[in-house]
Amino acid sequence: MTTHKTQRLGWINGQWESCEDLKIPINDRGLNYADGIFETILIFNGTPRLVNEHLSRWEKSANLLGMNPPPSKAWVMALISDGIKKSHLQKENGAIRLNWSRGSSVQRGIDLSNTNSHRFWVEINHYQPNFESISTLISETERRNTFSRLSRCKTFSYNQSIQARLEAKKAGYNDALLLNNNGDMCCGTTANILVKRNNYWLTPHINSGCIPGVMRQRGINLNIIKEAIIKDSPQNGDEWFLINSLSCRPIQNIDTKELCMSTNPKKLWLKLLTTL
């Protein structure tokens, strides 16, 4: 099998192929109801990074949503290693996505059956971390639910984020920021918010309804980042960023308000990624 950098490779049921050639049954609950969770792990210079943190969050999400436990770390690590070789990523950067659905529906409707067998598949491809600045607006139509279990898990359903980003694109911006149902700042469409304010790093509290991002939590564990209630009006001198495992992007403006941009986003991202 020949693999090119532009090709997205996938695995399911013991088989590696192009993602376009692999099949998932059309009655899979992940497809029908977005009933599944995933993790996207950075491959940096050929090495998967922060695997323990990702797999821990994956297991917690499965437990919170009443799903079966995902595959074990040892089994997943062997598969990731195989995928890196088959994708020729041994010395390069990429991303691998681990998918865990509740499996095929045995009957019509959303009710669960005791016979549901969960389904696991993988996608892997070349990817370069992104540090380019972006323009944002605050979504007027989409808000995060502070009470929902789904807000604490990386589920298959990204419909709210898709709608918010479409809203931003139509208005001439790159991306959207989301408030929660209390009107406080929560997150971006696919990343956590960081704010550098008076030389302190802040991020919305986990109770805001934001995803418990791996890089976000790294900063908290390292005592670099503190949780805080963040309002939707940036203060003078603020620097804002959107960060996740694959990127750290400075925000150049929120709606019509221009923001400061002086901190090196790649340096910050690498510090969170590599500090022991």
C-alpha atoms as a PDB file:
ATOM      1  CA  MET A   1       0.000   0.000   0.000  1.00  0.00           C
ATOM      2  CA  THR A   2       1.442   3.384  -1.040  1.00  0.00           C
ATOM      3  CA  THR A   3       0.617   6.327   1.215  1.00  0.00           C
ATOM      4  CA  HIS A   4       0.937   9.999   0.238  1.00  0.00           C
ATOM      5  CA  LYS A   5       1.095  12.974   2.572  1.00  0.00           C
ATOM      6  CA  THR A   6      -2.285  14.197   1.389  1.00  0.00           C
ATOM      7  CA  GLN A   7      -3.919  10.832   1.994  1.00  0.00           C
ATOM      8  CA  ARG A   8      -5.886  10.224   5.155  1.00  0.00           C
ATOM      9  CA  LEU A   9      -5.306   6.688   6.356  1.00  0.00           C
ATOM     10  CA  GLY A  10      -7.835   4.788   8.428  1.00  0.00           C
ATOM     11  CA  TRP A  11      -8.144   1.580  10.426  1.00  0.00           C
ATOM     12  CA  ILE A  12     -11.169  -0.510  11.324  1.00  0.00           C
ATOM     13  CA  ASN A  13     -11.619  -4.212  12.033  1.00  0.00           C
ATOM     14  CA  GLY A  14      -7.912  -4.941  11.692  1.00  0.00           C
ATOM     15  CA  GLN A  15      -7.483  -3.254   8.307  1.00  0.00           C
ATOM     16  CA  TRP A  16      -5.515  -0.147   7.284  1.00  0.00           C
ATOM     17  CA  GLU A  17      -6.738   1.568   4.115  1.00  0.00           C
ATOM     18  CA  SER A  18      -7.482   5.008   2.716  1.00  0.00           C
ATOM     19  CA  CYS A  19     -10.343   6.536   4.703  1.00  0.00           C
ATOM     20  CA  GLU A  20     -12.345   6.692   1.476  1.00  0.00           C
ATOM     21  CA  ASP A  21     -12.158   2.915   1.115  1.00  0.00           C
ATOM     22  CA  LEU A  22     -13.098   1.872   4.654  1.00  0.00           C
ATOM     23  CA  LYS A  23     -16.719   1.211   5.601  1.00  0.00           C
ATOM     24  CA  ILE A  24     -18.895   1.801   8.680  1.00  0.00           C
ATOM     25  CA  PRO A  25     -22.424   0.304   8.770  1.00  0.00           C
ATOM     26  CA  ILE A  26     -25.100   2.897   8.059  1.00  0.00           C
ATOM     27  CA  ASN A  27     -26.933   1.877  11.257  1.00  0.00           C
ATOM     28  CA  ASP A  28     -23.962   2.793  13.471  1.00  0.00           C
ATOM     29  CA  ARG A  29     -25.222   5.033  16.279  1.00  0.00           C
ATOM     30  CA  GLY A  30     -22.265   7.332  15.730  1.00  0.00           C
ATOM     31  CA  LEU A  31     -23.557   7.992  12.227  1.00  0.00           C
ATOM     32  CA  ASN A  32     -27.275   8.020  13.063  1.00  0.00           C
ATOM     33  CA  TYR A  33     -27.213   9.970  16.335  1.00  0.00           C
ATOM     34  CA  ALA A  34     -23.639  11.256  16.811  1.00  0.00           C
ATOM     35  CA  ASP A  35     -23.583   8.776  19.708  1.00  0.00           C
ATOM     36  CA  GLY A  36     -19.836   8.528  20.167  1.00  0.00           C
ATOM     37  CA  ILE A  37     -16.685  10.173  21.494  1.00  0.00           C
ATOM     38  CA  PHE A  38     -13.245  10.797  20.065  1.00  0.00           C
ATOM     39  CA  GLU A  39      -9.755  12.025  20.863  1.00  0.00           C
ATOM     40  CA  THR A  40      -7.314  13.744  18.506  1.00  0.00           C
ATOM     41  CA  ILE A  41      -3.679  13.151  19.458  1.00  0.00           C
ATOM     42  CA  LEU A  42      -0.761  15.164  18.088  1.00  0.00           C
ATOM     43  CA  ILE A  43       2.128  13.300  16.484  1.00  0.00           C
ATOM     44  CA  PHE A  44       5.135  15.567  16.924  1.00  0.00           C
ATOM     45  CA  ASN A  45       8.370  14.626  15.170  1.00  0.00           C
ATOM     46  CA  GLY A  46       7.075  11.064  14.903  1.00  0.00           C
ATOM     47  CA  THR A  47       6.041  10.731  18.547  1.00  0.00           C
ATOM     48  CA  PRO A  48       2.454  10.766  19.858  1.00  0.00           C
ATOM     49  CA  ARG A  49       2.238  13.405  22.584  1.00  0.00           C
ATOM     50  CA  LEU A  50       0.230  13.621  25.830  1.00  0.00           C
ATOM     51  CA  VAL A  51      -1.263  10.175  25.197  1.00  0.00           C
ATOM     52  CA  ASN A  52      -1.990   9.517  28.885  1.00  0.00           C
ATOM     53  CA  GLU A  53      -3.962  12.746  29.176  1.00  0.00           C
ATOM     54  CA  HIS A  54      -5.988  12.035  26.042  1.00  0.00           C
ATOM     55  CA  LEU A  55      -6.792   8.443  26.939  1.00  0.00           C
ATOM     56  CA  SER A  56      -7.717   9.436  30.485  1.00  0.00           C
ATOM     57  CA  ARG A  57     -10.193  12.009  29.166  1.00  0.00           C
ATOM     58  CA  TRP A  58     -11.506   9.452  26.669  1.00  0.00           C
ATOM     59  CA  GLU A  59     -12.203   6.945  29.457  1.00  0.00           C
ATOM     60  CA  LYS A  60     -13.817   9.587  31.670  1.00  0.00           C
ATOM     61  CA  SER A  61     -16.077  10.687  28.817  1.00  0.00           C
ATOM     62  CA  ALA A  62     -17.162   7.110  28.128  1.00  0.00           C
ATOM     63  CA  ASN A  63     -17.974   6.582  31.791  1.00  0.00           C
ATOM     64  CA  LEU A  64     -19.843   9.887  32.064  1.00  0.00           C
ATOM     65  CA  LEU A  65     -21.995   9.050  29.034  1.00  0.00           C
ATOM     66  CA  GLY A  66     -22.686   5.459  30.091  1.00  0.00           C
ATOM     67  CA  MET A  67     -20.626   3.878  27.332  1.00  0.00           C
ATOM     68  CA  ASN A  68     -18.442   0.794  27.543  1.00  0.00           C
ATOM     69  CA  PRO A  69     -14.768   1.466  28.356  1.00  0.00           C
ATOM     70  CA  PRO A  70     -12.698   2.248  25.227  1.00  0.00           C
ATOM     71  CA  PRO A  71      -9.815  -0.039  24.176  1.00  0.00           C
ATOM     72  CA  SER A  72      -6.881  -0.316  26.584  1.00  0.00           C
ATOM     73  CA  LYS A  73      -3.860   1.963  26.442  1.00  0.00           C
ATOM     74  CA  ALA A  74      -1.462  -0.862  25.559  1.00  0.00           C
ATOM     75  CA  TRP A  75      -3.625  -1.959  22.629  1.00  0.00           C
ATOM     76  CA  VAL A  76      -4.166   1.599  21.389  1.00  0.00           C
ATOM     77  CA  MET A  77      -0.462   2.460  21.648  1.00  0.00           C
ATOM     78  CA  ALA A  78       0.470  -0.549  19.514  1.00  0.00           C
ATOM     79  CA  LEU A  79      -2.071   0.546  16.901  1.00  0.00           C
ATOM     80  CA  ILE A  80      -0.830   4.154  16.954  1.00  0.00           C
ATOM     81  CA  SER A  81       2.752   2.943  16.441  1.00  0.00           C
ATOM     82  CA  ASP A  82       1.629   0.854  13.473  1.00  0.00           C
ATOM     83  CA  GLY A  83      -0.282   3.804  12.029  1.00  0.00           C
ATOM     84  CA  ILE A  84       2.727   6.119  12.311  1.00  0.00           C
ATOM     85  CA  LYS A  85       4.818   3.642  10.308  1.00  0.00           C
ATOM     86  CA  LYS A  86       2.176   3.079   7.640  1.00  0.00           C
ATOM     87  CA  SER A  87       1.671   6.842   7.263  1.00  0.00           C
ATOM     88  CA  HIS A  88       5.423   7.503   7.091  1.00  0.00           C
ATOM     89  CA  LEU A  89       5.250   9.850  10.075  1.00  0.00           C
ATOM     90  CA  GLN A  90       8.292   8.502  11.936  1.00  0.00           C
ATOM     91  CA  LYS A  91      10.068  11.880  11.752  1.00  0.00           C
ATOM     92  CA  GLU A  92       7.159  14.135  10.871  1.00  0.00           C
ATOM     93  CA  ASN A  93       4.111  15.840  12.343  1.00  0.00           C
ATOM     94  CA  GLY A  94       0.595  14.525  12.136  1.00  0.00           C
ATOM     95  CA  ALA A  95      -2.658  13.867  13.942  1.00  0.00           C
ATOM     96  CA  ILE A  96      -4.424  10.666  14.864  1.00  0.00           C
ATOM     97  CA  ARG A  97      -8.108  10.521  15.760  1.00  0.00           C
ATOM     98  CA  LEU A  98      -9.482   7.698  17.928  1.00  0.00           C
ATOM     99  CA  ASN A  99     -13.223   7.099  17.473  1.00  0.00           C
ATOM    100  CA  TRP A 100     -15.482   5.159  19.846  1.00  0.00           C
ATOM    101  CA  SER A 101     -19.166   4.797  18.982  1.00  0.00           C
ATOM    102  CA  ARG A 102     -21.905   2.905  20.782  1.00  0.00           C
ATOM    103  CA  GLY A 103     -22.082   0.579  17.775  1.00  0.00           C
ATOM    104  CA  SER A 104     -24.867  -0.491  15.459  1.00  0.00           C
ATOM    105  CA  SER A 105     -28.517   0.010  16.349  1.00  0.00           C
ATOM    106  CA  VAL A 106     -30.408  -3.269  16.584  1.00  0.00           C
ATOM    107  CA  GLN A 107     -33.765  -1.520  16.539  1.00  0.00           C
ATOM    108  CA  ARG A 108     -35.215   1.749  15.346  1.00  0.00           C
ATOM    109  CA  GLY A 109     -35.077   4.737  17.720  1.00  0.00           C
ATOM    110  CA  ILE A 110     -32.670   6.154  20.257  1.00  0.00           C
ATOM    111  CA  ASP A 111     -33.272   3.567  23.001  1.00  0.00           C
ATOM    112  CA  LEU A 112     -30.239   1.479  23.861  1.00  0.00           C
ATOM    113  CA  SER A 113     -30.103  -2.290  23.659  1.00  0.00           C
ATOM    114  CA  ASN A 114     -28.169  -4.583  25.975  1.00  0.00           C
ATOM    115  CA  THR A 115     -26.721  -6.219  22.876  1.00  0.00           C
ATOM    116  CA  ASN A 116     -25.074  -3.069  21.493  1.00  0.00           C
ATOM    117  CA  SER A 117     -21.442  -3.759  20.598  1.00  0.00           C
ATOM    118  CA  HIS A 118     -19.300  -0.634  20.585  1.00  0.00           C
ATOM    119  CA  ARG A 119     -17.229   0.198  17.504  1.00  0.00           C
ATOM    120  CA  PHE A 120     -13.680   1.577  17.295  1.00  0.00           C
ATOM    121  CA  TRP A 121     -11.880   3.101  14.332  1.00  0.00           C
ATOM    122  CA  VAL A 122      -8.894   5.350  13.679  1.00  0.00           C
ATOM    123  CA  GLU A 123      -7.953   8.131  11.266  1.00  0.00           C
ATOM    124  CA  ILE A 124      -4.372   9.360  10.810  1.00  0.00           C
ATOM    125  CA  ASN A 125      -2.806  11.954   8.555  1.00  0.00           C
ATOM    126  CA  HIS A 126       0.035  14.445   8.193  1.00  0.00           C
ATOM    127  CA  TYR A 127      -0.618  17.765   9.914  1.00  0.00           C
ATOM    128  CA  GLN A 128       1.397  20.869  10.764  1.00  0.00           C
ATOM    129  CA  PRO A 129       0.553  22.721  14.009  1.00  0.00           C
ATOM    130  CA  ASN A 130      -1.033  26.109  13.287  1.00  0.00           C
ATOM    131  CA  PHE A 131       0.044  29.372  14.924  1.00  0.00           C
ATOM    132  CA  GLU A 132      -1.469  31.936  12.538  1.00  0.00           C
ATOM    133  CA  SER A 133      -3.578  34.772  13.933  1.00  0.00           C
ATOM    134  CA  ILE A 134      -7.323  34.818  13.346  1.00  0.00           C
ATOM    135  CA  SER A 135     -10.258  37.188  13.495  1.00  0.00           C
ATOM    136  CA  THR A 136     -13.293  36.194  15.567  1.00  0.00           C
ATOM    137  CA  LEU A 137     -16.805  37.221  16.433  1.00  0.00           C
ATOM    138  CA  ILE A 138     -18.968  36.218  19.356  1.00  0.00           C
ATOM    139  CA  SER A 139     -21.744  33.967  18.103  1.00  0.00           C
ATOM    140  CA  GLU A 140     -25.206  35.467  18.411  1.00  0.00           C
ATOM    141  CA  THR A 141     -27.037  32.183  17.884  1.00  0.00           C
ATOM    142  CA  GLU A 142     -25.036  29.417  19.620  1.00  0.00           C
ATOM    143  CA  ARG A 143     -24.374  29.061  23.355  1.00  0.00           C
ATOM    144  CA  ARG A 144     -22.777  26.320  25.429  1.00  0.00           C
ATOM    145  CA  ASN A 145     -24.876  24.540  28.043  1.00  0.00           C
ATOM    146  CA  THR A 146     -23.202  24.688  31.455  1.00  0.00           C
ATOM    147  CA  PHE A 147     -25.397  21.854  32.761  1.00  0.00           C
ATOM    148  CA  SER A 148     -25.014  19.293  29.972  1.00  0.00           C
ATOM    149  CA  ARG A 149     -22.778  16.247  30.311  1.00  0.00           C
ATOM    150  CA  LEU A 150     -22.103  16.590  26.600  1.00  0.00           C
ATOM    151  CA  SER A 151     -20.307  19.893  27.207  1.00  0.00           C
ATOM    152  CA  ARG A 152     -17.682  17.971  29.172  1.00  0.00           C
ATOM    153  CA  CYS A 153     -16.988  15.391  26.454  1.00  0.00           C
ATOM    154  CA  LYS A 154     -15.568  15.410  22.921  1.00  0.00           C
ATOM    155  CA  THR A 155     -18.556  13.866  21.194  1.00  0.00           C
ATOM    156  CA  PHE A 156     -19.071  13.267  17.485  1.00  0.00           C
ATOM    157  CA  SER A 157     -21.609  16.084  17.354  1.00  0.00           C
ATOM    158  CA  TYR A 158     -19.963  19.333  16.232  1.00  0.00           C
ATOM    159  CA  ASN A 159     -23.129  20.815  14.768  1.00  0.00           C
ATOM    160  CA  GLN A 160     -23.163  23.770  17.158  1.00  0.00           C
ATOM    161  CA  SER A 161     -19.546  24.587  16.353  1.00  0.00           C
ATOM    162  CA  ILE A 162     -20.215  24.223  12.634  1.00  0.00           C
ATOM    163  CA  GLN A 163     -23.129  26.659  12.821  1.00  0.00           C
ATOM    164  CA  ALA A 164     -21.107  29.160  14.852  1.00  0.00           C
ATOM    165  CA  ARG A 165     -18.219  29.041  12.413  1.00  0.00           C
ATOM    166  CA  LEU A 166     -20.584  29.434   9.451  1.00  0.00           C
ATOM    167  CA  GLU A 167     -22.006  32.492  11.182  1.00  0.00           C
ATOM    168  CA  ALA A 168     -18.483  33.898  11.532  1.00  0.00           C
ATOM    169  CA  LYS A 169     -17.476  33.126   7.953  1.00  0.00           C
ATOM    170  CA  LYS A 170     -20.605  34.765   6.545  1.00  0.00           C
ATOM    171  CA  ALA A 171     -19.749  37.917   8.505  1.00  0.00           C
ATOM    172  CA  GLY A 172     -16.171  37.949   7.196  1.00  0.00           C
ATOM    173  CA  TYR A 173     -14.397  36.481  10.246  1.00  0.00           C
ATOM    174  CA  ASN A 174     -12.274  33.340  10.553  1.00  0.00           C
ATOM    175  CA  ASP A 175     -13.953  31.783  13.564  1.00  0.00           C
ATOM    176  CA  ALA A 176     -16.456  32.248  16.373  1.00  0.00           C
ATOM    177  CA  LEU A 177     -16.290  32.433  20.152  1.00  0.00           C
ATOM    178  CA  LEU A 178     -19.117  30.944  22.188  1.00  0.00           C
ATOM    179  CA  LEU A 179     -20.718  32.251  25.350  1.00  0.00           C
ATOM    180  CA  ASN A 180     -22.484  29.942  27.781  1.00  0.00           C
ATOM    181  CA  ASN A 181     -26.104  30.131  28.887  1.00  0.00           C
ATOM    182  CA  ASN A 182     -25.078  32.579  31.658  1.00  0.00           C
ATOM    183  CA  GLY A 183     -23.595  34.993  29.118  1.00  0.00           C
ATOM    184  CA  ASP A 184     -19.982  34.354  30.163  1.00  0.00           C
ATOM    185  CA  MET A 185     -17.178  33.551  27.739  1.00  0.00           C
ATOM    186  CA  CYS A 186     -16.762  29.812  27.236  1.00  0.00           C
ATOM    187  CA  CYS A 187     -14.664  28.588  24.313  1.00  0.00           C
ATOM    188  CA  GLY A 188     -14.029  28.647  20.591  1.00  0.00           C
ATOM    189  CA  THR A 189     -15.594  26.279  18.088  1.00  0.00           C
ATOM    190  CA  THR A 190     -12.767  23.744  18.350  1.00  0.00           C
ATOM    191  CA  ALA A 191     -10.411  25.146  20.983  1.00  0.00           C
ATOM    192  CA  ASN A 192     -10.137  26.557  24.479  1.00  0.00           C
ATOM    193  CA  ILE A 193      -9.724  30.254  25.199  1.00  0.00           C
ATOM    194  CA  LEU A 194      -6.615  31.653  26.887  1.00  0.00           C
ATOM    195  CA  VAL A 195      -6.359  35.276  27.988  1.00  0.00           C
ATOM    196  CA  LYS A 196      -3.113  36.986  28.966  1.00  0.00           C
ATOM    197  CA  ARG A 197      -4.153  39.829  31.271  1.00  0.00           C
ATOM    198  CA  ASN A 198      -1.723  41.880  33.351  1.00  0.00           C
ATOM    199  CA  ASN A 199       0.911  39.149  32.847  1.00  0.00           C
ATOM    200  CA  TYR A 200      -1.439  36.436  34.175  1.00  0.00           C
ATOM    201  CA  TRP A 201      -2.787  33.610  32.036  1.00  0.00           C
ATOM    202  CA  LEU A 202      -6.515  32.987  32.454  1.00  0.00           C
ATOM    203  CA  THR A 203      -8.995  30.533  30.977  1.00  0.00           C
ATOM    204  CA  PRO A 204     -12.755  30.101  31.485  1.00  0.00           C
ATOM    205  CA  HIS A 205     -13.629  27.884  34.422  1.00  0.00           C
ATOM    206  CA  ILE A 206     -14.519  24.286  33.640  1.00  0.00           C
ATOM    207  CA  ASN A 207     -18.011  25.016  34.988  1.00  0.00           C
ATOM    208  CA  SER A 208     -18.455  27.461  32.096  1.00  0.00           C
ATOM    209  CA  GLY A 209     -19.309  24.515  29.854  1.00  0.00           C
ATOM    210  CA  CYS A 210     -16.001  24.486  27.997  1.00  0.00           C
ATOM    211  CA  ILE A 211     -14.392  21.248  26.866  1.00  0.00           C
ATOM    212  CA  PRO A 212     -11.750  20.067  29.385  1.00  0.00           C
ATOM    213  CA  GLY A 213      -8.957  20.579  26.869  1.00  0.00           C
ATOM    214  CA  VAL A 214      -5.707  18.680  27.310  1.00  0.00           C
ATOM    215  CA  MET A 215      -3.459  21.704  26.684  1.00  0.00           C
ATOM    216  CA  ARG A 216      -5.689  23.863  28.863  1.00  0.00           C
ATOM    217  CA  GLN A 217      -5.338  21.372  31.715  1.00  0.00           C
ATOM    218  CA  ARG A 218      -1.583  21.119  31.162  1.00  0.00           C
ATOM    219  CA  GLY A 219      -1.295  24.850  31.800  1.00  0.00           C
ATOM    220  CA  ILE A 220      -3.407  24.579  34.949  1.00  0.00           C
ATOM    221  CA  ASN A 221      -1.369  21.635  36.270  1.00  0.00           C
ATOM    222  CA  LEU A 222       1.858  23.554  35.626  1.00  0.00           C
ATOM    223  CA  ASN A 223       0.499  26.593  37.521  1.00  0.00           C
ATOM    224  CA  ILE A 224       0.847  28.684  34.387  1.00  0.00           C
ATOM    225  CA  ILE A 225      -2.890  29.149  33.781  1.00  0.00           C
ATOM    226  CA  LYS A 226      -5.642  29.998  36.269  1.00  0.00           C
ATOM    227  CA  GLU A 227      -9.370  29.475  35.863  1.00  0.00           C
ATOM    228  CA  ALA A 228     -11.537  32.593  35.977  1.00  0.00           C
ATOM    229  CA  ILE A 229     -14.897  33.976  34.907  1.00  0.00           C
ATOM    230  CA  ILE A 230     -14.199  35.812  31.669  1.00  0.00           C
ATOM    231  CA  LYS A 231     -16.676  38.311  30.308  1.00  0.00           C
ATOM    232  CA  ASP A 232     -17.316  38.957  26.642  1.00  0.00           C
ATOM    233  CA  SER A 233     -15.640  42.378  26.631  1.00  0.00           C
ATOM    234  CA  PRO A 234     -11.820  42.208  26.382  1.00  0.00           C
ATOM    235  CA  GLN A 235      -9.936  44.576  28.638  1.00  0.00           C
ATOM    236  CA  ASN A 236      -7.335  47.026  27.359  1.00  0.00           C
ATOM    237  CA  GLY A 237      -3.988  45.274  26.924  1.00  0.00           C
ATOM    238  CA  ASP A 238      -5.530  41.783  26.763  1.00  0.00           C
ATOM    239  CA  GLU A 239      -4.049  39.101  24.550  1.00  0.00           C
ATOM    240  CA  TRP A 240      -6.455  36.292  23.607  1.00  0.00           C
ATOM    241  CA  PHE A 241      -5.659  32.896  22.107  1.00  0.00           C
ATOM    242  CA  LEU A 242      -7.434  29.755  20.962  1.00  0.00           C
ATOM    243  CA  ILE A 243      -5.488  26.652  21.947  1.00  0.00           C
ATOM    244  CA  ASN A 244      -5.815  22.907  21.516  1.00  0.00           C
ATOM    245  CA  SER A 245      -3.521  19.932  20.974  1.00  0.00           C
ATOM    246  CA  LEU A 246      -2.871  20.911  17.355  1.00  0.00           C
ATOM    247  CA  SER A 247      -2.626  24.699  17.460  1.00  0.00           C
ATOM    248  CA  CYS A 248      -2.268  27.948  19.389  1.00  0.00           C
ATOM    249  CA  ARG A 249      -3.725  30.862  17.462  1.00  0.00           C
ATOM    250  CA  PRO A 250      -3.619  34.505  18.590  1.00  0.00           C
ATOM    251  CA  ILE A 251      -6.909  36.363  18.200  1.00  0.00           C
ATOM    252  CA  GLN A 252      -6.357  39.653  16.381  1.00  0.00           C
ATOM    253  CA  ASN A 253      -9.855  40.971  16.996  1.00  0.00           C
ATOM    254  CA  ILE A 254     -13.152  40.059  18.642  1.00  0.00           C
ATOM    255  CA  ASP A 255     -15.981  41.586  16.661  1.00  0.00           C
ATOM    256  CA  THR A 256     -14.718  45.114  15.951  1.00  0.00           C
ATOM    257  CA  LYS A 257     -12.337  45.356  18.938  1.00  0.00           C
ATOM    258  CA  GLU A 258      -8.674  44.899  18.021  1.00  0.00           C
ATOM    259  CA  LEU A 259      -6.472  43.037  20.505  1.00  0.00           C
ATOM    260  CA  CYS A 260      -2.795  43.127  21.383  1.00  0.00           C
ATOM    261  CA  MET A 261      -0.584  40.453  19.838  1.00  0.00           C
ATOM    262  CA  SER A 262       2.920  40.302  21.289  1.00  0.00           C
ATOM    263  CA  THR A 263       3.307  36.824  22.822  1.00  0.00           C
ATOM    264  CA  ASN A 264       4.851  34.126  20.626  1.00  0.00           C
ATOM    265  CA  PRO A 265       2.062  31.507  20.323  1.00  0.00           C
ATOM    266  CA  LYS A 266       4.375  28.692  19.247  1.00  0.00           C
ATOM    267  CA  LYS A 267       6.667  29.258  22.225  1.00  0.00           C
ATOM    268  CA  LEU A 268       3.707  29.145  24.622  1.00  0.00           C
ATOM    269  CA  TRP A 269       2.301  26.016  22.962  1.00  0.00           C
ATOM    270  CA  LEU A 270       5.662  24.207  23.038  1.00  0.00           C
ATOM    271  CA  LYS A 271       6.111  25.108  26.700  1.00  0.00           C
ATOM    272  CA  LEU A 272       2.797  23.497  27.573  1.00  0.00           C
ATOM    273  CA  LEU A 273       3.508  20.528  25.330  1.00  0.00           C
ATOM    274  CA  THR A 274       7.018  19.678  26.502  1.00  0.00           C
ATOM    275  CA  THR A 275       7.368  20.849  30.123  1.00  0.00           C
ATOM    276  CA  LEU A 276       7.589  17.866  32.479  1.00  0.00           C
END
